[in-house]
């Protein structure tokens, strides 16, 4: 066993442990936990028995096992980045709608507001271009 294989095994085992602890802290869902554990187990398998995987390389027309691993890694990274981007967009949309709803709720006059306060609020509209409330400036 070469040094790089040993390093890959140690890193995969550490990442598997980190994945497990993240799952126990409820930072990962069950499906995410399963995918990550499968990835780290795959790294261990490829590192322990690289010679047996040569039968997989020939039909795929890949020159070396390392090329296959790099191609697979790029595909996995592409999928992960795509899912992260999708999740980020969903969070941005939820945050935007929450901010809008809170702004609308705070702009509505309450039952206790006097007519003068409502009139004053109507005379000083919110400056949406600057992202600031013009009532705070004046």
Protein backbone atom coordinates (compact mmCIF):
# COMPACT_ATOMS: atom_id res chain seq x y z
CA UNK A 1 0.00 0.00 0.00
CA UNK A 2 1.38 3.39 -1.02
CA UNK A 3 1.45 6.51 1.08
CA UNK A 4 -1.29 8.23 -0.93
CA UNK A 5 -3.57 5.24 -0.45
CA UNK A 6 -3.02 5.38 3.31
CA UNK A 7 -3.68 9.12 3.35
CA UNK A 8 -6.88 8.63 1.32
CA UNK A 9 -8.10 5.95 3.73
CA UNK A 10 -7.39 8.09 6.81
CA UNK A 11 -9.09 11.14 5.28
CA UNK A 12 -12.12 9.07 4.21
CA UNK A 13 -12.45 7.57 7.69
CA UNK A 14 -12.20 11.01 9.32
CA UNK A 15 -14.77 12.44 6.92
CA UNK A 16 -17.03 9.44 7.59
CA UNK A 17 -16.79 10.17 11.31
CA UNK A 18 -17.55 13.86 10.71
CA UNK A 19 -20.52 12.87 8.55
CA UNK A 20 -21.80 10.61 11.33
CA UNK A 21 -21.45 13.29 14.00
CA UNK A 22 -23.19 15.82 11.74
CA UNK A 23 -26.05 13.37 11.27
CA UNK A 24 -26.32 12.80 15.03
CA UNK A 25 -26.49 16.58 15.58
CA UNK A 26 -29.29 16.69 12.98
CA UNK A 27 -27.26 18.81 10.57
CA UNK A 28 -27.80 16.20 7.84
CA UNK A 29 -30.92 14.37 6.73
CA UNK A 30 -30.93 10.59 6.44
CA UNK A 31 -30.61 10.65 2.65
CA UNK A 32 -27.70 13.10 2.79
CA UNK A 33 -26.03 10.96 5.42
CA UNK A 34 -26.40 7.88 3.21
CA UNK A 35 -24.95 9.61 0.15
CA UNK A 36 -21.93 10.95 2.03
CA UNK A 37 -21.22 7.64 3.77
CA UNK A 38 -21.42 5.89 0.37
CA UNK A 39 -18.93 8.40 -1.06
CA UNK A 40 -16.46 7.94 1.81
CA UNK A 41 -16.85 4.14 1.68
CA UNK A 42 -16.18 4.32 -2.07
CA UNK A 43 -12.98 6.24 -1.43
CA UNK A 44 -11.87 3.55 1.03
CA UNK A 45 -12.71 0.74 -1.42
CA UNK A 46 -10.90 2.42 -4.31
CA UNK A 47 -7.89 3.02 -2.07
CA UNK A 48 -7.75 -0.51 -0.66
CA UNK A 49 -8.30 -2.53 -3.85
CA UNK A 50 -7.34 -0.37 -6.82
CA UNK A 51 -6.16 -3.36 -8.90
CA UNK A 52 -9.57 -5.05 -8.87
CA UNK A 53 -11.15 -1.94 -10.37
CA UNK A 54 -9.12 -2.24 -13.55
CA UNK A 55 -11.93 -4.40 -14.96
CA UNK A 56 -14.19 -1.34 -14.69
CA UNK A 57 -11.71 0.91 -16.48
CA UNK A 58 -11.47 -1.08 -19.74
CA UNK A 59 -15.17 -0.90 -20.81
CA UNK A 60 -15.31 2.80 -19.97
CA UNK A 61 -12.33 3.55 -22.22
CA UNK A 62 -10.49 5.37 -19.43
CA UNK A 63 -6.70 5.20 -19.55
CA UNK A 64 -6.01 5.02 -15.80
CA UNK A 65 -7.89 4.48 -12.57
CA UNK A 66 -6.91 7.97 -11.44
CA UNK A 67 -8.60 9.43 -14.53
CA UNK A 68 -11.81 7.59 -13.66
CA UNK A 69 -11.65 8.87 -10.08
CA UNK A 70 -11.05 12.45 -11.23
CA UNK A 71 -13.94 12.28 -13.71
CA UNK A 72 -16.24 10.80 -11.07
CA UNK A 73 -15.14 13.43 -8.56
CA UNK A 74 -15.85 16.24 -11.01
CA UNK A 75 -19.34 14.84 -11.64
CA UNK A 76 -20.05 14.59 -7.92
CA UNK A 77 -18.72 18.11 -7.30
CA UNK A 78 -20.88 19.46 -10.12
CA UNK A 79 -23.98 17.86 -8.59
CA UNK A 80 -23.10 19.16 -5.12
CA UNK A 81 -22.52 22.71 -6.37
CA UNK A 82 -25.80 22.62 -8.30
CA UNK A 83 -27.74 21.49 -5.22
CA UNK A 84 -26.01 24.09 -3.04
CA UNK A 85 -26.90 26.82 -5.54
CA UNK A 86 -30.52 25.65 -5.62
CA UNK A 87 -30.73 25.63 -1.84
CA UNK A 88 -29.15 29.08 -1.65
CA UNK A 89 -31.71 30.49 -4.11
CA UNK A 90 -34.58 28.99 -2.11
CA UNK A 91 -33.21 30.54 1.08
CA UNK A 92 -32.78 33.92 -0.61
CA UNK A 93 -36.38 33.81 -1.86
CA UNK A 94 -37.69 32.85 1.57
CA UNK A 95 -35.65 35.58 3.24
CA UNK A 96 -36.86 38.17 0.73
CA UNK A 97 -40.51 37.26 1.26
CA UNK A 98 -40.02 37.29 5.03
CA UNK A 99 -38.44 40.75 4.93
CA UNK A 100 -41.23 42.03 2.69
CA UNK A 101 -43.90 40.62 4.98
CA UNK A 102 -42.24 42.09 8.08
CA UNK A 103 -41.89 45.46 6.36
CA UNK A 104 -45.55 45.45 5.37
CA UNK A 105 -46.62 44.40 8.84
CA UNK A 106 -44.60 47.16 10.47
CA UNK A 107 -45.89 49.76 7.98
CA UNK A 108 -49.55 49.00 8.68
CA UNK A 109 -51.06 51.36 11.23
CA UNK A 110 -52.08 49.73 14.45
CA UNK A 111 -55.45 50.16 16.12
CA UNK A 112 -53.84 52.46 18.69
CA UNK A 113 -52.28 54.79 16.13
CA UNK A 114 -53.76 58.23 16.03
CA UNK A 115 -54.85 59.90 12.82
CA UNK A 116 -51.86 62.24 13.05
CA UNK A 117 -49.38 59.34 13.11
CA UNK A 118 -51.04 57.72 10.09
CA UNK A 119 -50.97 61.03 8.20
CA UNK A 120 -47.31 61.58 9.09
CA UNK A 121 -46.39 58.08 7.92
CA UNK A 122 -48.18 58.66 4.62
CA UNK A 123 -46.32 61.95 4.05
CA UNK A 124 -42.90 60.29 4.48
CA UNK A 125 -42.79 57.30 2.11
CA UNK A 126 -40.11 54.64 2.36
CA UNK A 127 -37.13 55.25 0.05
CA UNK A 128 -36.81 51.86 -1.59
CA UNK A 129 -34.01 52.87 -3.97
CA UNK A 130 -31.61 53.55 -1.12
CA UNK A 131 -33.00 50.73 0.97
CA UNK A 132 -33.58 53.08 3.89
CA UNK A 133 -36.63 54.46 5.58
CA UNK A 134 -36.77 58.18 4.82
CA UNK A 135 -38.66 58.74 8.10
CA UNK A 136 -35.49 57.79 9.97
CA UNK A 137 -33.42 60.36 8.10
CA UNK A 138 -35.67 63.40 8.49
